[in-house]
């Protein structure tokens, strides 16, 4: 998680925005990086924090990883 920013929205709500950076080796052993921006809104209910909203911008992480392992045609 890079550059997390937390906004308190009262005593029982908060919003966190951050950049998610995932790094891995593809099927050829080449390093790959996937970067997405995420936002989560949390609400405290009965002394427990629950994520009530989630948003991701950019290529979905699973799609990027799957694409990096697809066979290449010659």
N, C-alpha and C. Protein backbone atom coordinates (compact mmCIF):
# COMPACT_ATOMS: atom_id res chain seq x y z
N UNK A 1 0.86 -1.17 0.00
CA UNK A 1 0.00 0.00 0.00
C UNK A 1 0.90 1.23 0.00
N UNK A 2 0.61 2.13 -0.95
CA UNK A 2 1.38 3.36 -1.05
C UNK A 2 0.49 4.56 -0.78
N UNK A 3 1.03 5.56 -0.19
CA UNK A 3 0.39 6.85 0.06
C UNK A 3 -1.03 6.76 0.62
N UNK A 4 -1.23 6.02 1.71
CA UNK A 4 -2.59 5.97 2.28
C UNK A 4 -2.99 7.33 2.87
N UNK A 5 -4.24 7.70 2.62
CA UNK A 5 -4.80 8.94 3.17
C UNK A 5 -6.11 8.55 3.86
N UNK A 6 -6.21 8.88 5.15
CA UNK A 6 -7.40 8.54 5.93
C UNK A 6 -8.15 9.82 6.27
N UNK A 7 -9.45 9.81 6.02
CA UNK A 7 -10.32 10.93 6.37
C UNK A 7 -11.33 10.42 7.40
N UNK A 8 -11.28 10.96 8.62
CA UNK A 8 -12.29 10.63 9.62
C UNK A 8 -13.57 11.37 9.26
N UNK A 9 -14.67 10.64 9.28
CA UNK A 9 -15.98 11.22 8.93
C UNK A 9 -16.88 11.15 10.15
N UNK A 10 -16.39 11.64 11.27
CA UNK A 10 -17.12 11.54 12.52
C UNK A 10 -16.53 10.44 13.37
N UNK A 11 -17.25 10.07 14.44
CA UNK A 11 -16.75 9.05 15.36
C UNK A 11 -16.95 7.63 14.85
N UNK A 12 -17.83 7.45 13.86
CA UNK A 12 -18.16 6.09 13.46
C UNK A 12 -17.98 5.82 11.96
N UNK A 13 -17.28 6.70 11.26
CA UNK A 13 -17.06 6.50 9.82
C UNK A 13 -15.69 7.03 9.42
N UNK A 14 -15.11 6.39 8.41
CA UNK A 14 -13.82 6.83 7.89
C UNK A 14 -13.69 6.40 6.43
N UNK A 15 -12.87 7.13 5.71
CA UNK A 15 -12.59 6.82 4.31
C UNK A 15 -11.08 6.74 4.15
N UNK A 16 -10.59 5.69 3.50
CA UNK A 16 -9.16 5.56 3.23
C UNK A 16 -8.97 5.41 1.72
N UNK A 17 -8.03 6.16 1.19
CA UNK A 17 -7.69 6.09 -0.23
C UNK A 17 -6.19 5.80 -0.32
N UNK A 18 -5.81 4.94 -1.26
CA UNK A 18 -4.41 4.54 -1.36
C UNK A 18 -4.13 3.97 -2.74
N UNK A 19 -2.86 3.78 -3.02
CA UNK A 19 -2.40 3.13 -4.25
C UNK A 19 -1.93 1.74 -3.86
N UNK A 20 -2.42 0.74 -4.58
CA UNK A 20 -2.00 -0.65 -4.36
C UNK A 20 -1.01 -1.00 -5.45
N UNK A 21 0.18 -1.44 -5.07
CA UNK A 21 1.21 -1.84 -6.02
C UNK A 21 1.53 -3.30 -5.78
N UNK A 22 1.29 -4.12 -6.80
CA UNK A 22 1.57 -5.55 -6.71
C UNK A 22 2.69 -5.86 -7.69
N UNK A 23 3.73 -6.53 -7.21
CA UNK A 23 4.86 -6.89 -8.05
C UNK A 23 5.02 -8.40 -8.03
N UNK A 24 5.30 -8.98 -9.21
CA UNK A 24 5.42 -10.44 -9.31
C UNK A 24 6.26 -10.78 -10.54
N UNK A 25 6.63 -12.06 -10.66
CA UNK A 25 7.35 -12.55 -11.83
C UNK A 25 6.36 -13.26 -12.74
N UNK A 26 6.38 -12.95 -14.04
CA UNK A 26 5.47 -13.61 -14.97
C UNK A 26 6.00 -14.99 -15.34
N UNK A 27 5.32 -15.66 -16.28
CA UNK A 27 5.70 -17.03 -16.63
C UNK A 27 7.09 -17.12 -17.23
N UNK A 28 7.63 -16.02 -17.71
CA UNK A 28 8.99 -16.01 -18.27
C UNK A 28 10.02 -15.53 -17.26
N UNK A 29 9.59 -15.34 -16.03
CA UNK A 29 10.50 -14.87 -14.99
C UNK A 29 10.78 -13.38 -15.04
N UNK A 30 10.00 -12.65 -15.83
CA UNK A 30 10.19 -11.21 -15.95
C UNK A 30 9.39 -10.48 -14.88
N UNK A 31 9.99 -9.49 -14.24
CA UNK A 31 9.25 -8.74 -13.22
C UNK A 31 8.11 -7.92 -13.84
N UNK A 32 6.98 -7.93 -13.18
CA UNK A 32 5.80 -7.18 -13.61
C UNK A 32 5.27 -6.37 -12.43
N UNK A 33 4.61 -5.28 -12.72
CA UNK A 33 3.98 -4.46 -11.69
C UNK A 33 2.57 -4.11 -12.12
N UNK A 34 1.65 -4.13 -11.17
CA UNK A 34 0.27 -3.72 -11.40
C UNK A 34 -0.02 -2.64 -10.37
N UNK A 35 -0.54 -1.50 -10.83
CA UNK A 35 -0.84 -0.37 -9.95
C UNK A 35 -2.31 -0.03 -10.08
N UNK A 36 -3.01 0.03 -8.95
CA UNK A 36 -4.41 0.45 -8.95
C UNK A 36 -4.62 1.44 -7.81
N UNK A 37 -5.64 2.26 -7.95
CA UNK A 37 -6.02 3.18 -6.88
C UNK A 37 -7.28 2.61 -6.23
N UNK A 38 -7.30 2.57 -4.91
CA UNK A 38 -8.45 2.01 -4.20
C UNK A 38 -8.95 2.99 -3.14
N UNK A 39 -10.25 2.92 -2.91
CA UNK A 39 -10.90 3.70 -1.86
C UNK A 39 -11.82 2.77 -1.09
N UNK A 40 -11.80 2.88 0.22
CA UNK A 40 -12.70 2.10 1.07
C UNK A 40 -13.35 3.03 2.08
N UNK A 41 -14.64 2.83 2.28
CA UNK A 41 -15.38 3.58 3.30
C UNK A 41 -15.75 2.59 4.40
N UNK A 42 -15.42 2.97 5.62
CA UNK A 42 -15.66 2.11 6.79
C UNK A 42 -16.68 2.75 7.71
N UNK A 43 -17.48 1.91 8.35
CA UNK A 43 -18.50 2.37 9.30
C UNK A 43 -18.41 1.49 10.55
N UNK A 44 -18.40 2.12 11.70
CA UNK A 44 -18.33 1.39 12.96
C UNK A 44 -19.74 1.11 13.47
N UNK A 45 -20.05 -0.16 13.65
CA UNK A 45 -21.36 -0.58 14.13
C UNK A 45 -21.17 -1.66 15.18
N UNK A 46 -21.77 -1.47 16.34
CA UNK A 46 -21.64 -2.43 17.44
C UNK A 46 -20.18 -2.73 17.76
N UNK A 47 -19.36 -1.70 17.84
CA UNK A 47 -17.93 -1.79 18.19
C UNK A 47 -17.09 -2.52 17.15
N UNK A 48 -17.62 -2.72 15.95
CA UNK A 48 -16.85 -3.38 14.88
C UNK A 48 -16.82 -2.48 13.65
N UNK A 49 -15.67 -2.42 13.00
CA UNK A 49 -15.53 -1.65 11.77
C UNK A 49 -15.87 -2.53 10.58
N UNK A 50 -16.80 -2.05 9.74
CA UNK A 50 -17.24 -2.79 8.56
C UNK A 50 -16.96 -1.96 7.31
N UNK A 51 -16.44 -2.60 6.28
CA UNK A 51 -16.24 -1.92 5.00
C UNK A 51 -17.60 -1.88 4.30
N UNK A 52 -18.11 -0.67 4.08
CA UNK A 52 -19.44 -0.52 3.48
C UNK A 52 -19.37 -0.08 2.02
N UNK A 53 -18.18 0.28 1.55
CA UNK A 53 -18.03 0.65 0.14
C UNK A 53 -16.58 0.44 -0.28
N UNK A 54 -16.40 -0.07 -1.50
CA UNK A 54 -15.06 -0.31 -2.05
C UNK A 54 -15.07 0.11 -3.52
N UNK A 55 -14.01 0.80 -3.95
CA UNK A 55 -13.87 1.19 -5.35
C UNK A 55 -12.42 1.01 -5.77
N UNK A 56 -12.22 0.47 -6.99
CA UNK A 56 -10.87 0.31 -7.54
C UNK A 56 -10.85 0.91 -8.94
N UNK A 57 -9.83 1.70 -9.22
CA UNK A 57 -9.61 2.26 -10.56
C UNK A 57 -8.35 1.63 -11.13
N UNK A 58 -8.36 1.41 -12.42
CA UNK A 58 -7.22 0.79 -13.07
C UNK A 58 -7.54 -0.65 -13.39
N UNK A 59 -6.56 -1.35 -13.98
CA UNK A 59 -6.77 -2.73 -14.37
C UNK A 59 -6.96 -3.61 -13.14
N UNK A 60 -7.99 -4.45 -13.13
CA UNK A 60 -8.15 -5.37 -12.00
C UNK A 60 -6.90 -6.23 -11.83
N UNK A 61 -6.48 -6.43 -10.61
CA UNK A 61 -5.25 -7.15 -10.32
C UNK A 61 -5.28 -8.56 -10.91
N UNK A 62 -6.36 -9.30 -10.71
CA UNK A 62 -6.45 -10.68 -11.21
C UNK A 62 -6.32 -10.72 -12.73
N UNK A 63 -6.92 -9.77 -13.43
CA UNK A 63 -6.84 -9.72 -14.89
C UNK A 63 -5.41 -9.48 -15.35
N UNK A 64 -4.72 -8.59 -14.68
CA UNK A 64 -3.34 -8.28 -15.05
C UNK A 64 -2.43 -9.48 -14.84
N UNK A 65 -2.61 -10.18 -13.73
CA UNK A 65 -1.78 -11.36 -13.46
C UNK A 65 -2.09 -12.45 -14.48
N UNK A 66 -3.36 -12.71 -14.73
CA UNK A 66 -3.75 -13.74 -15.69
C UNK A 66 -3.18 -13.43 -17.07
N UNK A 67 -3.26 -12.17 -17.50
CA UNK A 67 -2.74 -11.78 -18.81
C UNK A 67 -1.24 -12.01 -18.92
N UNK A 68 -0.52 -11.84 -17.83
CA UNK A 68 0.94 -12.00 -17.88
C UNK A 68 1.35 -13.46 -17.99
N UNK A 69 0.43 -14.39 -17.73
CA UNK A 69 0.74 -15.81 -17.80
C UNK A 69 0.17 -16.47 -19.06
N UNK A 70 -0.48 -15.70 -19.93
CA UNK A 70 -1.03 -16.25 -21.16
C UNK A 70 0.11 -16.61 -22.11
N UNK A 71 -0.03 -17.76 -22.80
CA UNK A 71 1.01 -18.12 -23.77
C UNK A 71 1.06 -17.09 -24.90
N UNK A 72 2.24 -16.84 -25.38
CA UNK A 72 2.40 -15.90 -26.48
C UNK A 72 2.48 -16.69 -27.78
N UNK A 73 1.87 -16.18 -28.84
CA UNK A 73 1.90 -16.86 -30.13
C UNK A 73 3.13 -16.40 -30.91
N UNK A 74 3.65 -17.26 -31.71
CA UNK A 74 4.84 -16.95 -32.50
C UNK A 74 4.44 -16.58 -33.89
